[in-house]
Amino acid sequence: MAPSDLEPFSKMMVLMAEQYGKPMSPELIRFYFDGLAHLPIETVRAALNKHVRNTDTGQFMPKIADVIRACDGRTEDAAYAALVEVQRAFSAVGAWGSVQFADTIINAVINDMGGWPELCARDADEWAQFGAKDFMKRYRIYKERGDWNAPAYLPGYFERVNAGTHQGQPVMIGKTLKALT
């Protein structure tokens, strides 16, 4: 949010607090504003509306984390979505091709798990029992920490065997990708 959003945000929060019968001081409004400042005001408005309609948690005044969760989902949800992308890439690209995931956390996790060819080479039963769970656990940790060191892309077996020789661009996987430099 921009500093100019403080006034409309304050009005939203006063209405929200009134709905729940809770006091809302200017200091508390500022605390919420600072905690949600990384989000656009329309995203916050949508998240607050989503929260009040949630039959599981909507009876309680939302905390900052509740609003962020309504915007971004839970880390478990993000980890599962990332796992689905990786598993699709196993069959679409395979160990020989280089890949670049739009979600750079995926690149970091796969790199930490040994690399793309190593992940592709895992036995299907081992992957189902241990690998997928390990991937999701690492993904959630990285997402929660917010700091990870990810390679721009993950070289496949062909590139490794041929001393870094590219066979075209890596296969792009995900919604939004930056061009390779």
N, C-alpha and C. Protein backbone atom coordinates (compact mmCIF):
# COMPACT_ATOMS: atom_id res chain seq x y z
N MET A 1 0.85 -1.18 0.00
CA MET A 1 0.00 0.00 0.00
C MET A 1 0.89 1.23 0.00
N ALA A 2 0.38 2.26 -0.56
CA ALA A 2 1.09 3.54 -0.59
C ALA A 2 0.67 4.36 0.62
N PRO A 3 1.49 5.34 1.04
CA PRO A 3 1.10 6.20 2.16
C PRO A 3 -0.27 6.85 1.97
N SER A 4 -0.62 7.14 0.73
CA SER A 4 -1.93 7.77 0.46
C SER A 4 -3.09 6.81 0.72
N ASP A 5 -2.81 5.53 0.91
CA ASP A 5 -3.86 4.54 1.19
C ASP A 5 -4.21 4.47 2.67
N LEU A 6 -3.48 5.19 3.51
CA LEU A 6 -3.73 5.10 4.95
C LEU A 6 -5.15 5.52 5.32
N GLU A 7 -5.65 6.58 4.73
CA GLU A 7 -7.01 7.03 5.09
C GLU A 7 -8.08 6.02 4.68
N PRO A 8 -8.11 5.55 3.41
CA PRO A 8 -9.14 4.55 3.09
C PRO A 8 -8.94 3.24 3.87
N PHE A 9 -7.69 2.88 4.14
CA PHE A 9 -7.42 1.68 4.93
C PHE A 9 -7.97 1.87 6.34
N SER A 10 -7.76 3.05 6.92
CA SER A 10 -8.26 3.33 8.28
C SER A 10 -9.77 3.17 8.34
N LYS A 11 -10.46 3.68 7.32
CA LYS A 11 -11.92 3.55 7.28
C LYS A 11 -12.33 2.08 7.21
N MET A 12 -11.62 1.30 6.40
CA MET A 12 -11.92 -0.13 6.32
C MET A 12 -11.75 -0.80 7.67
N MET A 13 -10.65 -0.48 8.34
CA MET A 13 -10.36 -1.14 9.62
C MET A 13 -11.34 -0.73 10.70
N VAL A 14 -11.77 0.54 10.71
CA VAL A 14 -12.75 0.98 11.69
C VAL A 14 -14.07 0.24 11.47
N LEU A 15 -14.49 0.10 10.21
CA LEU A 15 -15.71 -0.66 9.91
C LEU A 15 -15.55 -2.13 10.31
N MET A 16 -14.39 -2.69 10.03
CA MET A 16 -14.14 -4.08 10.38
C MET A 16 -14.23 -4.26 11.89
N ALA A 17 -13.57 -3.39 12.64
CA ALA A 17 -13.59 -3.48 14.10
C ALA A 17 -15.01 -3.30 14.63
N GLU A 18 -15.75 -2.39 14.03
CA GLU A 18 -17.13 -2.16 14.45
C GLU A 18 -17.97 -3.42 14.24
N GLN A 19 -17.76 -4.08 13.10
CA GLN A 19 -18.48 -5.32 12.79
C GLN A 19 -18.25 -6.37 13.88
N TYR A 20 -17.02 -6.43 14.41
CA TYR A 20 -16.67 -7.44 15.41
C TYR A 20 -16.80 -6.93 16.85
N GLY A 21 -17.21 -5.67 17.02
CA GLY A 21 -17.35 -5.11 18.36
C GLY A 21 -16.03 -4.95 19.08
N LYS A 22 -14.98 -4.64 18.33
CA LYS A 22 -13.63 -4.49 18.90
C LYS A 22 -13.19 -3.03 18.80
N PRO A 23 -12.43 -2.57 19.79
CA PRO A 23 -11.89 -1.20 19.70
C PRO A 23 -10.77 -1.14 18.65
N MET A 24 -10.65 0.00 17.99
CA MET A 24 -9.61 0.17 16.96
C MET A 24 -8.97 1.54 17.17
N SER A 25 -7.82 1.54 17.81
CA SER A 25 -7.10 2.79 18.07
C SER A 25 -6.30 3.19 16.82
N PRO A 26 -5.93 4.46 16.73
CA PRO A 26 -5.07 4.87 15.60
C PRO A 26 -3.75 4.10 15.57
N GLU A 27 -3.23 3.75 16.75
CA GLU A 27 -1.99 2.99 16.82
C GLU A 27 -2.17 1.58 16.26
N LEU A 28 -3.31 0.97 16.56
CA LEU A 28 -3.58 -0.37 16.06
C LEU A 28 -3.80 -0.34 14.54
N ILE A 29 -4.48 0.68 14.06
CA ILE A 29 -4.66 0.83 12.61
C ILE A 29 -3.31 0.94 11.94
N ARG A 30 -2.41 1.74 12.51
CA ARG A 30 -1.07 1.90 11.93
C ARG A 30 -0.29 0.58 11.96
N PHE A 31 -0.47 -0.18 13.05
CA PHE A 31 0.19 -1.48 13.17
C PHE A 31 -0.27 -2.41 12.04
N TYR A 32 -1.57 -2.48 11.81
CA TYR A 32 -2.11 -3.28 10.71
C TYR A 32 -1.59 -2.76 9.37
N PHE A 33 -1.62 -1.45 9.19
CA PHE A 33 -1.18 -0.84 7.93
C PHE A 33 0.26 -1.22 7.63
N ASP A 34 1.13 -1.10 8.63
CA ASP A 34 2.55 -1.44 8.43
C ASP A 34 2.72 -2.93 8.14
N GLY A 35 1.94 -3.77 8.81
CA GLY A 35 2.04 -5.21 8.61
C GLY A 35 1.54 -5.67 7.25
N LEU A 36 0.68 -4.87 6.64
CA LEU A 36 0.10 -5.23 5.35
C LEU A 36 0.59 -4.33 4.22
N ALA A 37 1.57 -3.48 4.51
CA ALA A 37 2.02 -2.47 3.55
C ALA A 37 2.55 -3.06 2.25
N HIS A 38 3.00 -4.30 2.26
CA HIS A 38 3.54 -4.93 1.05
C HIS A 38 2.45 -5.33 0.06
N LEU A 39 1.20 -5.24 0.46
CA LEU A 39 0.08 -5.64 -0.39
C LEU A 39 -0.64 -4.41 -0.95
N PRO A 40 -1.17 -4.50 -2.17
CA PRO A 40 -1.98 -3.40 -2.70
C PRO A 40 -3.28 -3.28 -1.90
N ILE A 41 -3.80 -2.08 -1.78
CA ILE A 41 -5.00 -1.86 -0.96
C ILE A 41 -6.19 -2.65 -1.47
N GLU A 42 -6.33 -2.81 -2.78
CA GLU A 42 -7.46 -3.59 -3.31
C GLU A 42 -7.33 -5.06 -2.93
N THR A 43 -6.12 -5.54 -2.84
CA THR A 43 -5.90 -6.93 -2.41
C THR A 43 -6.29 -7.08 -0.95
N VAL A 44 -5.93 -6.09 -0.13
CA VAL A 44 -6.30 -6.12 1.30
C VAL A 44 -7.81 -6.05 1.44
N ARG A 45 -8.45 -5.17 0.68
CA ARG A 45 -9.91 -5.04 0.74
C ARG A 45 -10.57 -6.39 0.39
N ALA A 46 -10.09 -7.01 -0.67
CA ALA A 46 -10.64 -8.31 -1.08
C ALA A 46 -10.42 -9.36 0.00
N ALA A 47 -9.24 -9.35 0.61
CA ALA A 47 -8.94 -10.33 1.66
C ALA A 47 -9.84 -10.13 2.89
N LEU A 48 -10.08 -8.88 3.26
CA LEU A 48 -10.97 -8.62 4.40
C LEU A 48 -12.39 -9.08 4.08
N ASN A 49 -12.84 -8.81 2.86
CA ASN A 49 -14.17 -9.28 2.46
C ASN A 49 -14.23 -10.81 2.46
N LYS A 50 -13.17 -11.43 2.00
CA LYS A 50 -13.10 -12.90 2.00
C LYS A 50 -13.15 -13.43 3.43
N HIS A 51 -12.44 -12.75 4.33
CA HIS A 51 -12.39 -13.19 5.73
C HIS A 51 -13.78 -13.14 6.37
N VAL A 52 -14.51 -12.05 6.20
CA VAL A 52 -15.81 -11.93 6.87
C VAL A 52 -16.82 -12.95 6.33
N ARG A 53 -16.59 -13.46 5.12
CA ARG A 53 -17.49 -14.47 4.54
C ARG A 53 -17.05 -15.90 4.84
N ASN A 54 -15.89 -16.05 5.47
CA ASN A 54 -15.38 -17.38 5.78
C ASN A 54 -16.13 -17.95 6.97
N THR A 55 -16.85 -19.04 6.75
CA THR A 55 -17.67 -19.60 7.83
C THR A 55 -16.85 -20.31 8.91
N ASP A 56 -15.57 -20.58 8.64
CA ASP A 56 -14.72 -21.21 9.64
C ASP A 56 -14.06 -20.20 10.57
N THR A 57 -13.60 -19.08 10.02
CA THR A 57 -12.85 -18.12 10.83
C THR A 57 -13.45 -16.72 10.83
N GLY A 58 -14.47 -16.50 10.05
CA GLY A 58 -15.03 -15.16 9.89
C GLY A 58 -15.74 -14.58 11.10
N GLN A 59 -15.93 -15.37 12.13
CA GLN A 59 -16.59 -14.84 13.32
C GLN A 59 -15.62 -14.10 14.25
N PHE A 60 -14.33 -14.13 13.91
CA PHE A 60 -13.32 -13.46 14.73
C PHE A 60 -12.68 -12.31 13.96
N MET A 61 -12.30 -11.27 14.67
CA MET A 61 -11.59 -10.14 14.07
C MET A 61 -10.29 -10.67 13.46
N PRO A 62 -10.03 -10.37 12.18
CA PRO A 62 -8.82 -10.91 11.55
C PRO A 62 -7.55 -10.26 12.08
N LYS A 63 -6.55 -11.08 12.26
CA LYS A 63 -5.23 -10.58 12.60
C LYS A 63 -4.47 -10.36 11.29
N ILE A 64 -3.32 -9.73 11.36
CA ILE A 64 -2.54 -9.45 10.15
C ILE A 64 -2.26 -10.75 9.39
N ALA A 65 -1.87 -11.79 10.09
CA ALA A 65 -1.57 -13.07 9.44
C ALA A 65 -2.80 -13.64 8.74
N ASP A 66 -3.99 -13.41 9.29
CA ASP A 66 -5.22 -13.89 8.65
C ASP A 66 -5.43 -13.20 7.30
N VAL A 67 -5.15 -11.91 7.26
CA VAL A 67 -5.32 -11.14 6.01
C VAL A 67 -4.30 -11.61 4.98
N ILE A 68 -3.06 -11.80 5.41
CA ILE A 68 -2.02 -12.27 4.49
C ILE A 68 -2.37 -13.67 3.98
N ARG A 69 -2.85 -14.54 4.85
CA ARG A 69 -3.24 -15.89 4.43
C ARG A 69 -4.39 -15.83 3.44
N ALA A 70 -5.34 -14.91 3.64
CA ALA A 70 -6.45 -14.76 2.70
C ALA A 70 -5.95 -14.28 1.34
N CYS A 71 -4.86 -13.53 1.33
CA CYS A 71 -4.28 -13.04 0.06
C CYS A 71 -3.43 -14.12 -0.62
N ASP A 72 -2.54 -14.71 0.14
CA ASP A 72 -1.52 -15.60 -0.44
C ASP A 72 -1.83 -17.08 -0.27
N GLY A 73 -2.77 -17.43 0.57
CA GLY A 73 -3.00 -18.84 0.88
C GLY A 73 -1.99 -19.31 1.92
N ARG A 74 -2.12 -20.54 2.32
CA ARG A 74 -1.21 -21.12 3.30
C ARG A 74 0.04 -21.62 2.59
N THR A 75 1.13 -21.70 3.31
CA THR A 75 2.36 -22.21 2.71
C THR A 75 2.17 -23.65 2.25
N GLU A 76 1.33 -24.41 2.92
CA GLU A 76 1.06 -25.78 2.52
C GLU A 76 0.38 -25.82 1.15
N ASP A 77 -0.53 -24.88 0.90
CA ASP A 77 -1.20 -24.80 -0.40
C ASP A 77 -0.19 -24.48 -1.50
N ALA A 78 0.69 -23.52 -1.23
CA ALA A 78 1.71 -23.14 -2.21
C ALA A 78 2.67 -24.30 -2.47
N ALA A 79 3.02 -25.03 -1.41
CA ALA A 79 3.93 -26.17 -1.57
C ALA A 79 3.29 -27.26 -2.41
N TYR A 80 2.01 -27.50 -2.20
CA TYR A 80 1.34 -28.52 -3.00
C TYR A 80 1.27 -28.11 -4.47
N ALA A 81 0.95 -26.83 -4.73
CA ALA A 81 0.90 -26.34 -6.12
C ALA A 81 2.28 -26.46 -6.77
N ALA A 82 3.33 -26.17 -6.02
CA ALA A 82 4.69 -26.30 -6.54
C ALA A 82 5.01 -27.77 -6.85
N LEU A 83 4.61 -28.66 -5.97
CA LEU A 83 4.83 -30.09 -6.18
C LEU A 83 4.15 -30.56 -7.47
N VAL A 84 2.95 -30.10 -7.71
CA VAL A 84 2.23 -30.47 -8.94
C VAL A 84 3.01 -30.00 -10.16
N GLU A 85 3.55 -28.77 -10.12
CA GLU A 85 4.36 -28.28 -11.25
C GLU A 85 5.58 -29.15 -11.48
N VAL A 86 6.25 -29.51 -10.41
CA VAL A 86 7.45 -30.35 -10.53
C VAL A 86 7.10 -31.71 -11.12
N GLN A 87 6.05 -32.32 -10.62
CA GLN A 87 5.67 -33.65 -11.11
C GLN A 87 5.25 -33.60 -12.58
N ARG A 88 4.61 -32.55 -13.01
CA ARG A 88 4.27 -32.40 -14.43
C ARG A 88 5.55 -32.25 -15.26
N ALA A 89 6.51 -31.53 -14.73
CA ALA A 89 7.78 -31.33 -15.45
C ALA A 89 8.57 -32.62 -15.57
N PHE A 90 8.43 -33.52 -14.58
CA PHE A 90 9.11 -34.82 -14.68
C PHE A 90 8.77 -35.48 -16.01
N SER A 91 7.49 -35.57 -16.31
CA SER A 91 7.08 -36.27 -17.53
C SER A 91 7.20 -35.40 -18.77
N ALA A 92 7.01 -34.10 -18.65
CA ALA A 92 7.06 -33.21 -19.82
C ALA A 92 8.49 -32.95 -20.29
N VAL A 93 9.44 -32.87 -19.37
CA VAL A 93 10.81 -32.51 -19.73
C VAL A 93 11.77 -33.67 -19.51
N GLY A 94 11.68 -34.27 -18.36
CA GLY A 94 12.58 -35.38 -18.02
C GLY A 94 13.95 -34.90 -17.60
N ALA A 95 14.78 -35.84 -17.24
CA ALA A 95 16.11 -35.54 -16.69
C ALA A 95 17.06 -34.93 -17.70
N TRP A 96 16.85 -35.17 -19.00
CA TRP A 96 17.79 -34.70 -20.02
C TRP A 96 17.67 -33.21 -20.27
N GLY A 97 16.48 -32.65 -20.14
CA GLY A 97 16.28 -31.24 -20.46
C GLY A 97 16.53 -30.33 -19.27
N SER A 98 16.93 -29.10 -19.56
CA SER A 98 17.10 -28.09 -18.52
C SER A 98 15.75 -27.41 -18.30
N VAL A 99 15.47 -27.02 -17.05
CA VAL A 99 14.19 -26.39 -16.72
C VAL A 99 14.41 -25.11 -15.93
N GLN A 100 13.43 -24.23 -16.05
CA GLN A 100 13.41 -23.00 -15.26
C GLN A 100 11.99 -22.82 -14.76
N PHE A 101 11.82 -22.83 -13.45
CA PHE A 101 10.50 -22.65 -12.86
C PHE A 101 10.27 -21.16 -12.57
N ALA A 102 9.07 -20.69 -12.85
CA ALA A 102 8.71 -19.30 -12.57
C ALA A 102 8.83 -19.03 -11.07
N ASP A 103 8.43 -19.99 -10.28
CA ASP A 103 8.53 -19.88 -8.83
C ASP A 103 9.96 -20.26 -8.45
N THR A 104 10.78 -19.27 -8.14
CA THR A 104 12.20 -19.53 -7.89
C THR A 104 12.44 -20.37 -6.64
N ILE A 105 11.46 -20.45 -5.77
CA ILE A 105 11.62 -21.33 -4.61
C ILE A 105 11.77 -22.77 -5.09
N ILE A 106 11.05 -23.14 -6.12
CA ILE A 106 11.15 -24.50 -6.68
C ILE A 106 12.58 -24.76 -7.13
N ASN A 107 13.17 -23.80 -7.85
CA ASN A 107 14.56 -23.96 -8.29
C ASN A 107 15.48 -24.19 -7.10
N ALA A 108 15.29 -23.41 -6.03
CA ALA A 108 16.14 -23.52 -4.85
C ALA A 108 15.99 -24.89 -4.18
N VAL A 109 14.76 -25.33 -4.04
CA VAL A 109 14.52 -26.61 -3.37
C VAL A 109 15.12 -27.76 -4.18
N ILE A 110 14.87 -27.76 -5.49
CA ILE A 110 15.40 -28.84 -6.33
C ILE A 110 16.93 -28.83 -6.30
N ASN A 111 17.51 -27.65 -6.35
CA ASN A 111 18.96 -27.53 -6.28
C ASN A 111 19.48 -28.13 -4.97
N ASP A 112 18.81 -27.84 -3.85
CA ASP A 112 19.22 -28.38 -2.56
C ASP A 112 19.01 -29.89 -2.46
N MET A 113 18.07 -30.41 -3.24
CA MET A 113 17.80 -31.85 -3.21
C MET A 113 18.70 -32.62 -4.17
N GLY A 114 19.68 -31.94 -4.77
CA GLY A 114 20.64 -32.62 -5.62
C GLY A 114 20.64 -32.20 -7.07
N GLY A 115 19.60 -31.52 -7.50
CA GLY A 115 19.53 -31.06 -8.88
C GLY A 115 18.42 -31.74 -9.65
N TRP A 116 18.15 -31.21 -10.83
CA TRP A 116 17.06 -31.70 -11.66
C TRP A 116 17.23 -33.16 -12.10
N PRO A 117 18.36 -33.55 -12.69
CA PRO A 117 18.48 -34.95 -13.11
C PRO A 117 18.36 -35.93 -11.95
N GLU A 118 18.91 -35.57 -10.81
CA GLU A 118 18.86 -36.44 -9.63
C GLU A 118 17.42 -36.63 -9.15
N LEU A 119 16.65 -35.54 -9.17
CA LEU A 119 15.26 -35.65 -8.75
C LEU A 119 14.47 -36.52 -9.72
N CYS A 120 14.70 -36.33 -11.02
CA CYS A 120 14.01 -37.12 -12.04
C CYS A 120 14.36 -38.60 -11.95
N ALA A 121 15.56 -38.90 -11.49
CA ALA A 121 16.04 -40.29 -11.46
C ALA A 121 15.51 -41.07 -10.27
N ARG A 122 14.85 -40.41 -9.36
CA ARG A 122 14.34 -41.13 -8.19
C ARG A 122 13.28 -42.15 -8.59
N ASP A 123 13.29 -43.25 -7.91
CA ASP A 123 12.30 -44.29 -8.09
C ASP A 123 10.92 -43.72 -7.74
N ALA A 124 9.91 -44.10 -8.49
CA ALA A 124 8.55 -43.56 -8.29
C ALA A 124 8.03 -43.86 -6.88
N ASP A 125 8.29 -45.05 -6.37
CA ASP A 125 7.83 -45.41 -5.02
C ASP A 125 8.55 -44.57 -3.97
N GLU A 126 9.85 -44.42 -4.13
CA GLU A 126 10.64 -43.60 -3.19
C GLU A 126 10.17 -42.16 -3.23
N TRP A 127 9.90 -41.65 -4.44
CA TRP A 127 9.43 -40.26 -4.57
C TRP A 127 8.08 -40.09 -3.87
N ALA A 128 7.18 -41.05 -4.07
CA ALA A 128 5.85 -40.95 -3.47
C ALA A 128 5.91 -41.04 -1.95
N GLN A 129 6.81 -41.88 -1.42
CA GLN A 129 6.89 -42.07 0.03
C GLN A 129 7.69 -40.98 0.73
N PHE A 130 8.79 -40.57 0.12
CA PHE A 130 9.70 -39.66 0.82
C PHE A 130 9.99 -38.37 0.06
N GLY A 131 10.28 -38.47 -1.22
CA GLY A 131 10.72 -37.32 -1.99
C GLY A 131 9.73 -36.18 -2.04
N ALA A 132 8.47 -36.50 -2.30
CA ALA A 132 7.44 -35.46 -2.40
C ALA A 132 7.25 -34.76 -1.06
N LYS A 133 7.27 -35.53 0.02
CA LYS A 133 7.13 -34.94 1.35
C LYS A 133 8.32 -34.05 1.69
N ASP A 134 9.51 -34.51 1.34
CA ASP A 134 10.72 -33.73 1.57
C ASP A 134 10.67 -32.43 0.77
N PHE A 135 10.24 -32.52 -0.49
CA PHE A 135 10.12 -31.34 -1.33
C PHE A 135 9.17 -30.32 -0.69
N MET A 136 7.99 -30.79 -0.28
CA MET A 136 7.00 -29.87 0.30
C MET A 136 7.48 -29.26 1.61
N LYS A 137 8.15 -30.06 2.42
CA LYS A 137 8.67 -29.54 3.69
C LYS A 137 9.71 -28.44 3.43
N ARG A 138 10.63 -28.70 2.53
CA ARG A 138 11.65 -27.69 2.21
C ARG A 138 11.01 -26.44 1.60
N TYR A 139 10.05 -26.64 0.71
CA TYR A 139 9.38 -25.51 0.07
C TYR A 139 8.73 -24.61 1.12
N ARG A 140 8.01 -25.21 2.05
CA ARG A 140 7.34 -24.42 3.09
C ARG A 140 8.34 -23.65 3.95
N ILE A 141 9.46 -24.28 4.27
CA ILE A 141 10.49 -23.60 5.07
C ILE A 141 11.02 -22.40 4.32
N TYR A 142 11.34 -22.57 3.05
CA TYR A 142 11.87 -21.46 2.25
C TYR A 142 10.84 -20.34 2.13
N LYS A 143 9.60 -20.70 1.89
CA LYS A 143 8.55 -19.69 1.73
C LYS A 143 8.35 -18.90 3.02
N GLU A 144 8.36 -19.59 4.14
CA GLU A 144 8.19 -18.92 5.42
C GLU A 144 9.38 -18.03 5.76
N ARG A 145 10.59 -18.50 5.47
CA ARG A 145 11.79 -17.73 5.75
C ARG A 145 11.90 -16.50 4.87
N GLY A 146 11.52 -16.66 3.62
CA GLY A 146 11.58 -15.54 2.69
C GLY A 146 12.96 -15.27 2.13
N ASP A 147 13.93 -16.10 2.43
CA ASP A 147 15.26 -15.91 1.86
C ASP A 147 15.77 -17.24 1.35
N TRP A 148 16.08 -17.26 0.08
CA TRP A 148 16.61 -18.48 -0.52
C TRP A 148 17.54 -18.08 -1.65
N ASN A 149 18.45 -18.95 -1.94
CA ASN A 149 19.41 -18.72 -3.02
C ASN A 149 19.08 -19.71 -4.12
N ALA A 150 18.47 -19.21 -5.19
CA ALA A 150 18.02 -20.09 -6.26
C ALA A 150 18.83 -19.87 -7.52
N PRO A 151 19.21 -20.95 -8.18
CA PRO A 151 19.84 -20.79 -9.49
C PRO A 151 18.81 -20.27 -10.49
N ALA A 152 19.27 -19.59 -11.54
CA ALA A 152 18.36 -19.04 -12.54
C ALA A 152 17.57 -20.15 -13.22
N TYR A 153 18.20 -21.29 -13.41
CA TYR A 153 17.53 -22.45 -14.00
C TYR A 153 18.26 -23.69 -13.52
N LEU A 154 17.70 -24.85 -13.84
CA LEU A 154 18.26 -26.12 -13.41
C LEU A 154 18.74 -26.90 -14.63
N PRO A 155 20.06 -27.06 -14.77
CA PRO A 155 20.57 -27.78 -15.94
C PRO A 155 20.18 -29.26 -15.91
N GLY A 156 19.83 -29.74 -17.08
CA GLY A 156 19.49 -31.15 -17.23
C GLY A 156 20.74 -31.98 -17.48
N TYR A 157 20.53 -33.27 -17.63
CA TYR A 157 21.64 -34.20 -17.83
C TYR A 157 22.43 -33.87 -19.09
N PHE A 158 21.76 -33.52 -20.18
CA PHE A 158 22.45 -33.21 -21.44
C PHE A 158 23.46 -32.07 -21.24
N GLU A 159 23.02 -31.03 -20.58
CA GLU A 159 23.90 -29.87 -20.36
C GLU A 159 25.06 -30.22 -19.44
N ARG A 160 24.80 -31.02 -18.44
CA ARG A 160 25.88 -31.41 -17.52
C ARG A 160 26.93 -32.28 -18.22
N VAL A 161 26.47 -33.23 -19.01
CA VAL A 161 27.39 -34.13 -19.70
C VAL A 161 28.22 -33.38 -20.73
N ASN A 162 27.64 -32.39 -21.35
CA ASN A 162 28.31 -31.63 -22.40
C ASN A 162 28.93 -30.34 -21.88
N ALA A 163 29.41 -30.38 -20.66
CA ALA A 163 30.17 -29.29 -20.03
C ALA A 163 29.49 -27.93 -20.16
N GLY A 164 28.22 -27.88 -19.79
CA GLY A 164 27.51 -26.61 -19.75
C GLY A 164 27.02 -26.11 -21.09
N THR A 165 27.12 -26.91 -22.13
CA THR A 165 26.64 -26.50 -23.44
C THR A 165 25.12 -26.49 -23.44
N HIS A 166 24.53 -25.32 -23.74
CA HIS A 166 23.08 -25.22 -23.78
C HIS A 166 22.53 -25.90 -25.02
N GLN A 167 21.45 -26.58 -24.87
CA GLN A 167 20.71 -27.11 -26.00
C GLN A 167 19.44 -26.27 -26.10
N GLY A 168 19.61 -25.00 -26.52
CA GLY A 168 18.49 -24.07 -26.53
C GLY A 168 18.22 -23.55 -25.13
N GLN A 169 17.11 -22.88 -24.98
CA GLN A 169 16.71 -22.35 -23.67
C GLN A 169 16.15 -23.47 -22.81
N PRO A 170 16.25 -23.32 -21.48
CA PRO A 170 15.60 -24.30 -20.61
C PRO A 170 14.09 -24.25 -20.84
N VAL A 171 13.41 -25.33 -20.55
CA VAL A 171 11.96 -25.34 -20.65
C VAL A 171 11.41 -24.48 -19.53
N MET A 172 10.59 -23.51 -19.89
CA MET A 172 10.01 -22.59 -18.92
C MET A 172 8.76 -23.22 -18.31
N ILE A 173 8.69 -23.24 -17.00
CA ILE A 173 7.56 -23.87 -16.32
C ILE A 173 6.99 -22.90 -15.30
N GLY A 174 5.73 -22.61 -15.38
CA GLY A 174 5.07 -21.71 -14.46
C GLY A 174 4.40 -20.57 -15.16
N LYS A 175 3.84 -19.66 -14.38
CA LYS A 175 3.02 -18.59 -14.93
C LYS A 175 3.82 -17.40 -15.44
N THR A 176 4.77 -16.92 -14.66
CA THR A 176 5.49 -15.71 -15.03
C THR A 176 6.98 -15.98 -14.95
N LEU A 177 7.70 -15.69 -16.01
CA LEU A 177 9.13 -15.94 -16.03
C LEU A 177 9.88 -14.73 -16.57
N LYS A 178 11.03 -14.50 -16.00
CA LYS A 178 11.93 -13.48 -16.52
C LYS A 178 12.86 -14.14 -17.54
N ALA A 179 13.31 -13.39 -18.51
CA ALA A 179 14.22 -13.94 -19.52
C ALA A 179 15.54 -14.34 -18.85
N LEU A 180 16.13 -15.39 -19.36
CA LEU A 180 17.44 -15.81 -18.87
C LEU A 180 18.50 -14.81 -19.32
N THR A 181 19.42 -14.54 -18.44
CA THR A 181 20.53 -13.64 -18.82
C THR A 181 21.81 -14.43 -18.93
